[in-house]
Protein backbone atom coordinates (compact mmCIF):
# COMPACT_ATOMS: atom_id res chain seq x y z
CA MET A 1 36.31 46.84 116.15
CA TYR A 2 35.65 50.36 114.92
CA ALA A 3 38.34 52.95 114.27
CA ILE A 4 38.81 56.29 112.56
CA THR A 5 40.25 55.78 109.08
CA ILE A 6 41.49 58.31 106.51
CA ARG A 7 39.55 58.01 103.25
CA GLU A 8 42.18 60.04 101.39
CA PRO A 9 44.57 62.85 102.35
CA GLY A 10 42.66 66.04 103.00
CA GLY A 11 40.66 68.06 105.50
CA PRO A 12 38.83 66.84 108.61
CA GLU A 13 35.97 65.55 106.47
CA VAL A 14 38.12 62.63 105.22
CA LEU A 15 38.01 61.00 108.67
CA GLU A 16 35.54 58.11 108.81
CA TRP A 17 34.28 55.76 111.55
CA THR A 18 34.93 52.35 110.00
CA GLU A 19 34.95 48.71 111.05
CA ILE A 20 38.43 47.16 110.79
CA GLU A 21 40.19 44.04 112.09
CA ASP A 22 41.03 43.83 115.77
CA PRO A 23 44.73 44.16 116.60
CA VAL A 24 46.51 41.17 118.13
CA PRO A 25 49.20 41.75 120.77
CA GLY A 26 52.57 40.32 119.82
CA PRO A 27 55.36 39.25 122.17
CA GLY A 28 56.06 42.00 124.69
CA GLU A 29 52.79 43.80 123.91
CA VAL A 30 49.43 44.22 125.60
CA LEU A 31 45.98 44.78 124.10
CA VAL A 32 44.20 47.82 125.52
CA ASP A 33 40.46 48.50 125.38
CA VAL A 34 40.62 52.21 124.61
CA ALA A 35 38.67 54.60 126.82
CA ALA A 36 40.07 57.79 125.32
CA THR A 37 42.74 59.22 123.07
CA ALA A 38 43.63 62.80 122.15
CA VAL A 39 44.32 64.98 119.14
CA ASN A 40 47.91 66.04 118.47
CA ARG A 41 49.17 68.29 115.68
CA ALA A 42 50.98 65.31 114.21
CA ASP A 43 47.54 63.76 113.61
CA LEU A 44 46.52 66.76 111.51
CA LEU A 45 49.68 66.43 109.41
CA GLN A 46 49.18 62.68 108.94
CA ARG A 47 45.56 63.27 107.89
CA GLN A 48 46.84 65.63 105.20
CA GLY A 49 49.38 63.09 103.95
CA LEU A 50 52.34 65.09 105.29
CA TYR A 51 53.47 62.87 108.17
CA PRO A 52 53.32 59.15 107.34
CA PRO A 53 53.66 56.62 110.16
CA PRO A 54 57.03 54.90 110.68
CA PRO A 55 57.57 51.62 108.80
CA GLY A 56 55.53 48.80 110.27
CA VAL A 57 53.22 51.10 112.25
CA THR A 58 49.46 51.12 111.68
CA GLY A 59 48.06 53.94 109.57
CA THR A 60 45.37 54.57 112.19
CA LEU A 61 45.85 57.93 113.87
CA GLY A 62 46.51 58.39 117.58
CA LEU A 63 49.76 58.84 119.50
CA GLU A 64 48.38 58.16 122.98
CA CYS A 65 45.48 56.55 124.76
CA SER A 66 44.03 55.47 128.07
CA GLY A 67 42.04 52.35 128.79
CA THR A 68 41.99 48.92 130.38
CA ILE A 69 44.31 46.00 129.63
CA ALA A 70 42.29 43.28 127.85
CA GLU A 71 45.02 40.79 126.98
CA LEU A 72 48.71 40.18 127.66
CA GLY A 73 51.12 39.16 124.92
CA GLU A 74 53.82 36.57 125.42
CA GLY A 75 56.49 37.51 127.93
CA VAL A 76 54.74 40.54 129.46
CA GLU A 77 55.36 40.93 133.18
CA GLY A 78 54.34 43.55 135.71
CA TRP A 79 50.86 44.13 134.26
CA GLN A 80 47.56 42.30 134.60
CA VAL A 81 44.32 42.08 132.64
CA GLY A 82 42.00 44.73 134.05
CA ASP A 83 44.73 47.26 134.92
CA GLU A 84 43.80 50.85 134.05
CA VAL A 85 46.64 52.35 132.03
CA CYS A 86 47.62 55.10 129.65
CA ALA A 87 50.12 54.61 126.86
CA LEU A 88 52.48 56.31 124.45
CA LEU A 89 51.81 55.10 120.90
CA ALA A 90 53.38 55.32 117.46
CA GLY A 91 49.84 55.09 116.08
CA GLY A 92 46.51 53.34 116.54
CA GLY A 93 44.89 55.34 119.32
CA TYR A 94 41.81 56.43 117.31
CA ALA A 95 40.26 52.98 117.75
CA GLU A 96 38.34 50.83 120.18
CA LYS A 97 41.39 48.62 120.78
CA VAL A 98 45.15 49.04 120.33
CA ALA A 99 48.22 46.85 120.80
CA VAL A 100 50.94 48.58 122.83
CA PRO A 101 54.54 47.63 123.67
CA ALA A 102 54.56 47.03 127.41
CA GLY A 103 57.49 49.43 127.86
CA GLN A 104 55.25 52.29 126.74
CA LEU A 105 52.55 51.71 129.37
CA LEU A 106 52.01 53.92 132.39
CA PRO A 107 49.58 53.50 135.26
CA VAL A 108 46.86 56.14 135.38
CA PRO A 109 48.10 58.61 138.00
CA ALA A 110 46.18 58.82 141.26
CA GLU A 111 43.59 61.63 141.17
CA VAL A 112 43.50 61.61 137.33
CA GLU A 113 40.36 60.25 135.65
CA LEU A 114 40.73 57.50 133.05
CA LEU A 115 39.22 59.71 130.33
CA THR A 116 41.56 62.60 131.10
CA ALA A 117 44.59 60.30 131.09
CA GLY A 118 43.99 59.69 127.38
CA GLY A 119 45.59 63.05 126.66
CA LEU A 120 48.52 62.70 129.03
CA PRO A 121 51.27 60.36 127.70
CA GLU A 122 52.28 62.28 124.56
CA VAL A 123 52.63 65.67 126.27
CA ALA A 124 54.24 64.17 129.36
CA CYS A 125 56.85 62.22 127.43
CA THR A 126 57.51 65.03 124.94
CA VAL A 127 58.01 67.71 127.58
CA TRP A 128 59.99 65.53 129.98
CA ALA A 129 62.28 64.07 127.31
CA ASN A 130 63.07 67.43 125.73
CA VAL A 131 62.92 69.98 128.53
CA VAL A 132 64.28 67.87 131.38
CA MET A 133 66.18 64.84 130.08
CA HIS A 134 67.87 66.70 127.22
CA GLY A 135 67.42 70.40 128.09
CA LYS A 136 68.49 69.83 131.72
CA LEU A 137 66.05 72.43 133.04
CA GLY A 138 66.69 73.10 136.71
CA LYS A 139 65.80 75.35 139.60
CA GLY A 140 66.48 79.01 138.82
CA ASP A 141 66.59 78.50 135.04
CA VAL A 142 64.45 80.45 132.57
CA LEU A 143 62.22 78.34 130.31
CA LEU A 144 60.62 79.88 127.20
CA VAL A 145 57.66 77.91 125.85
CA HIS A 146 56.29 78.76 122.43
CA GLY A 147 52.61 77.94 122.04
CA GLY A 148 51.90 78.10 125.74
CA ALA A 149 48.15 77.58 125.34
CA GLY A 150 48.33 74.21 123.60
CA GLY A 151 48.57 70.74 125.05
CA ILE A 152 52.36 70.71 125.13
CA GLY A 153 52.54 74.30 126.34
CA THR A 154 50.10 73.98 129.22
CA HIS A 155 51.97 70.93 130.44
CA ALA A 156 55.41 72.53 130.02
CA ILE A 157 54.39 75.59 132.04
CA GLN A 158 53.47 73.44 135.02
CA VAL A 159 56.53 71.20 134.77
CA GLY A 160 58.78 74.25 134.60
CA LYS A 161 57.20 75.80 137.68
CA ALA A 162 57.28 72.50 139.59
CA LEU A 163 61.04 72.31 138.94
CA GLY A 164 61.62 75.86 140.17
CA ALA A 165 62.12 77.62 136.83
CA THR A 166 60.95 81.04 135.69
CA VAL A 167 58.55 80.33 132.82
CA ALA A 168 57.93 82.61 129.84
CA VAL A 169 55.32 81.78 127.19
CA THR A 170 54.09 83.04 123.86
CA ALA A 171 50.44 82.89 122.81
CA GLY A 172 48.19 84.74 120.40
CA SER A 173 45.55 86.51 122.50
CA PRO A 174 45.18 88.26 125.86
CA GLU A 175 42.69 85.62 126.98
CA ARG A 176 45.03 82.73 126.25
CA LEU A 177 47.90 84.54 127.93
CA GLU A 178 45.78 85.10 131.03
CA SER A 179 45.02 81.37 131.13
CA CYS A 180 48.76 80.69 130.93
CA ARG A 181 49.33 83.06 133.85
CA GLN A 182 46.76 81.14 135.88
CA LEU A 183 48.82 77.98 135.29
CA GLY A 184 51.90 79.73 136.65
CA ALA A 185 53.56 81.47 133.69
CA ASP A 186 55.69 84.37 134.95
CA ILE A 187 56.23 86.18 131.63
CA THR A 188 53.52 86.24 128.95
CA ILE A 189 54.15 87.50 125.42
CA ASN A 190 51.58 88.09 122.67
CA TYR A 191 53.45 86.89 119.58
CA ARG A 192 51.02 88.77 117.31
CA GLU A 193 51.85 92.14 118.87
CA GLN A 194 55.19 91.80 120.69
CA ASP A 195 58.76 90.75 119.91
CA PHE A 196 59.41 87.80 122.19
CA VAL A 197 63.16 88.41 122.19
CA ALA A 198 62.80 92.02 123.36
CA GLU A 199 60.14 91.17 125.93
CA LEU A 200 62.18 88.31 127.38
CA LYS A 201 65.34 90.43 127.59
CA LYS A 202 63.49 93.15 129.52
CA VAL A 203 63.32 90.94 132.60
CA THR A 204 65.89 88.15 132.08
CA ASP A 205 69.32 87.52 130.59
CA GLY A 206 67.66 85.17 128.11
CA ALA A 207 66.26 81.66 128.21
CA ASP A 208 68.28 78.73 129.49
CA VAL A 209 65.89 76.37 127.67
CA ILE A 210 63.55 77.15 124.78
CA LEU A 211 60.84 74.65 123.80
CA ASP A 212 59.98 75.51 120.19
CA ASN A 213 57.18 74.19 118.00
CA MET A 214 57.73 76.62 115.11
CA GLY A 215 61.01 75.56 113.59
CA ALA A 216 62.41 77.58 110.69
CA SER A 217 60.58 80.88 111.14
CA TYR A 218 61.71 81.24 114.76
CA LEU A 219 65.24 79.85 114.49
CA ASP A 220 67.21 83.10 114.30
CA ARG A 221 65.15 84.88 116.96
CA ASN A 222 65.34 81.85 119.22
CA ILE A 223 69.14 82.04 119.06
CA ASP A 224 68.87 85.73 120.00
CA ALA A 225 66.63 84.78 122.94
CA LEU A 226 69.05 82.22 124.39
CA ALA A 227 71.06 82.95 127.51
CA MET A 228 74.73 81.96 127.69
CA ASN A 229 74.99 78.17 127.48
CA GLY A 230 71.31 78.07 126.49
CA ARG A 231 69.61 75.06 124.90
CA LEU A 232 67.12 75.42 122.04
CA VAL A 233 64.95 72.32 121.69
CA VAL A 234 62.90 72.13 118.48
CA ILE A 235 59.93 69.74 118.50
CA GLY A 236 57.84 71.06 115.60
CA PHE A 237 57.93 72.88 112.30
CA GLN A 238 54.70 74.87 112.08
CA GLY A 239 56.85 77.74 110.77
CA GLY A 240 58.66 75.71 108.11
CA VAL A 241 61.58 73.31 107.86
CA LYS A 242 64.42 75.31 106.29
CA ALA A 243 66.24 78.30 107.80
CA GLU A 244 69.72 79.79 107.94
CA LEU A 245 71.60 79.23 111.20
CA ASN A 246 74.02 81.93 112.29
CA ILE A 247 76.82 79.81 113.73
CA GLY A 248 78.63 82.93 114.96
CA LYS A 249 75.76 83.90 117.24
CA LEU A 250 75.40 80.34 118.50
CA LEU A 251 79.13 80.08 119.23
CA GLY A 252 79.08 83.42 120.99
CA LYS A 253 76.49 82.08 123.42
CA ARG A 254 78.01 78.60 123.70
CA GLY A 255 74.51 77.53 122.81
CA SER A 256 73.11 74.32 121.38
CA VAL A 257 70.25 73.43 119.05
CA PHE A 258 68.58 70.06 119.44
CA ALA A 259 65.70 68.70 117.36
CA ALA A 260 63.94 65.47 118.20
CA GLY A 261 60.69 63.73 117.49
CA LEU A 262 59.22 61.06 119.72
CA ARG A 263 57.18 58.88 117.41
CA GLY A 264 60.01 57.38 115.37
CA ARG A 265 62.37 56.55 118.24
CA PRO A 266 63.35 52.92 118.83
CA LEU A 267 61.30 51.01 121.38
CA ASP A 268 64.11 50.94 123.93
CA GLU A 269 64.48 54.73 123.80
CA LYS A 270 60.75 55.22 124.26
CA ALA A 271 60.74 52.74 127.14
CA ALA A 272 63.58 54.67 128.81
CA ILE A 273 61.65 57.94 128.50
CA VAL A 274 58.46 56.35 129.84
CA SER A 275 60.39 54.88 132.77
CA ASP A 276 61.89 58.27 133.65
CA VAL A 277 58.48 59.92 133.34
CA ARG A 278 56.96 57.36 135.68
CA ALA A 279 59.74 57.78 138.24
CA HIS A 280 60.00 61.57 138.27
CA LEU A 281 56.98 63.22 136.62
CA TRP A 282 54.19 60.94 137.83
CA PRO A 283 54.75 61.97 141.48
CA LEU A 284 54.20 65.60 140.43
CA LEU A 285 50.86 64.62 138.90
CA GLU A 286 49.88 62.61 141.95
CA ASN A 287 50.63 65.46 144.37
CA GLY A 288 48.82 68.00 142.20
CA SER A 289 51.86 70.07 141.19
CA VAL A 290 51.08 69.26 137.54
CA LYS A 291 47.56 68.70 136.22
CA PRO A 292 46.24 67.61 132.82
CA ILE A 293 44.52 70.52 131.06
CA VAL A 294 41.55 69.44 128.95
CA GLY A 295 39.92 72.06 126.76
CA GLN A 296 37.34 69.94 124.99
CA VAL A 297 35.97 66.37 124.90
CA VAL A 298 34.57 64.97 121.64
CA PRO A 299 33.26 61.45 120.88
CA LEU A 300 35.87 59.44 119.00
CA ALA A 301 33.44 58.72 116.17
CA GLU A 302 33.26 62.50 115.60
CA ALA A 303 37.02 63.00 115.38
CA SER A 304 36.59 65.36 112.42
CA LYS A 305 35.02 67.93 114.78
CA ALA A 306 38.00 67.67 117.10
CA HIS A 307 40.42 68.22 114.20
CA GLU A 308 38.46 71.30 113.20
CA ALA A 309 38.69 72.67 116.74
CA LEU A 310 42.45 72.17 116.92
CA THR A 311 42.91 73.75 113.49
CA GLU A 312 40.90 76.80 114.53
CA GLY A 313 43.18 77.25 117.54
CA SER A 314 40.39 78.09 119.96
CA VAL A 315 40.98 75.27 122.47
CA PHE A 316 43.12 75.84 125.59
CA GLY A 317 44.87 72.59 126.48
CA LYS A 318 44.13 69.15 125.01
CA VAL A 319 41.25 67.93 122.87
CA ILE A 320 40.19 64.50 124.16
CA LEU A 321 38.46 61.88 122.03
CA ALA A 322 36.20 59.69 124.17
CA ALA A 323 35.94 56.14 122.84
CA LYS A 324 33.34 55.18 125.44
CA SER A 325 30.38 57.31 126.49
């Protein structure tokens, strides 16, 4: 099969379309003929040599995919060859085939095209696990989403609204903020020109849940932006990895800070997240309350162009890599 390989750590130009060995599904796994995958910021970090895959995981990029089951490994039940699926991966999505633990498979939601579903599992599982399963977002809460125009952000806006929350977002241009409003965002803040803490406090008592992709540079202001008993959930570190935490402020708000990745979790934890997503989020996709937002589709063999687009920050929603024309 062919897959995108990394010649050496570096810029998008190091990505190459190369012939490699086909994966073989082990016990409890299925082999998927990949229709599409998607670009995530973790892929950009791995390409640069800054985010190596977990031990035992393929070095091929790709944290999600959609496609058709081609083969069942030993002991797999509940799935059949020919089923159209999408899957959460620890790696391997930038390829024509990938082996997937069966517990990380999801059916393609009704009304969602197979190609579009290639950009769904990572955002769905990330948002649901952090905002809902851990953050306990509920009706009447205030959700603050940093990076509202990205793949995670566009999904989180819709999930928040579907659950009855007031949703605030940050983004870097009036055009991107307007697109967030069209998805349902109630409060839109231009992080280049406005103080998100001050803007949020003008109309709320603070955020009950904050979904943060910045990390260190936003830590202190995120604590300021929390409501009483608020939950700050950190899922990225675009703003650095080290910061000083004012415990006094956090204690005063009875707040909590939680940081969690998805890729390195044990298989049983991932399977539990996927199961909860299927039971509670998939119905929202099937009734149209939440929709995948695709900003651009690029052939998988031209993945370097997709990485350039995500780096430039001009895409609203997900960048899909189509493995089949």
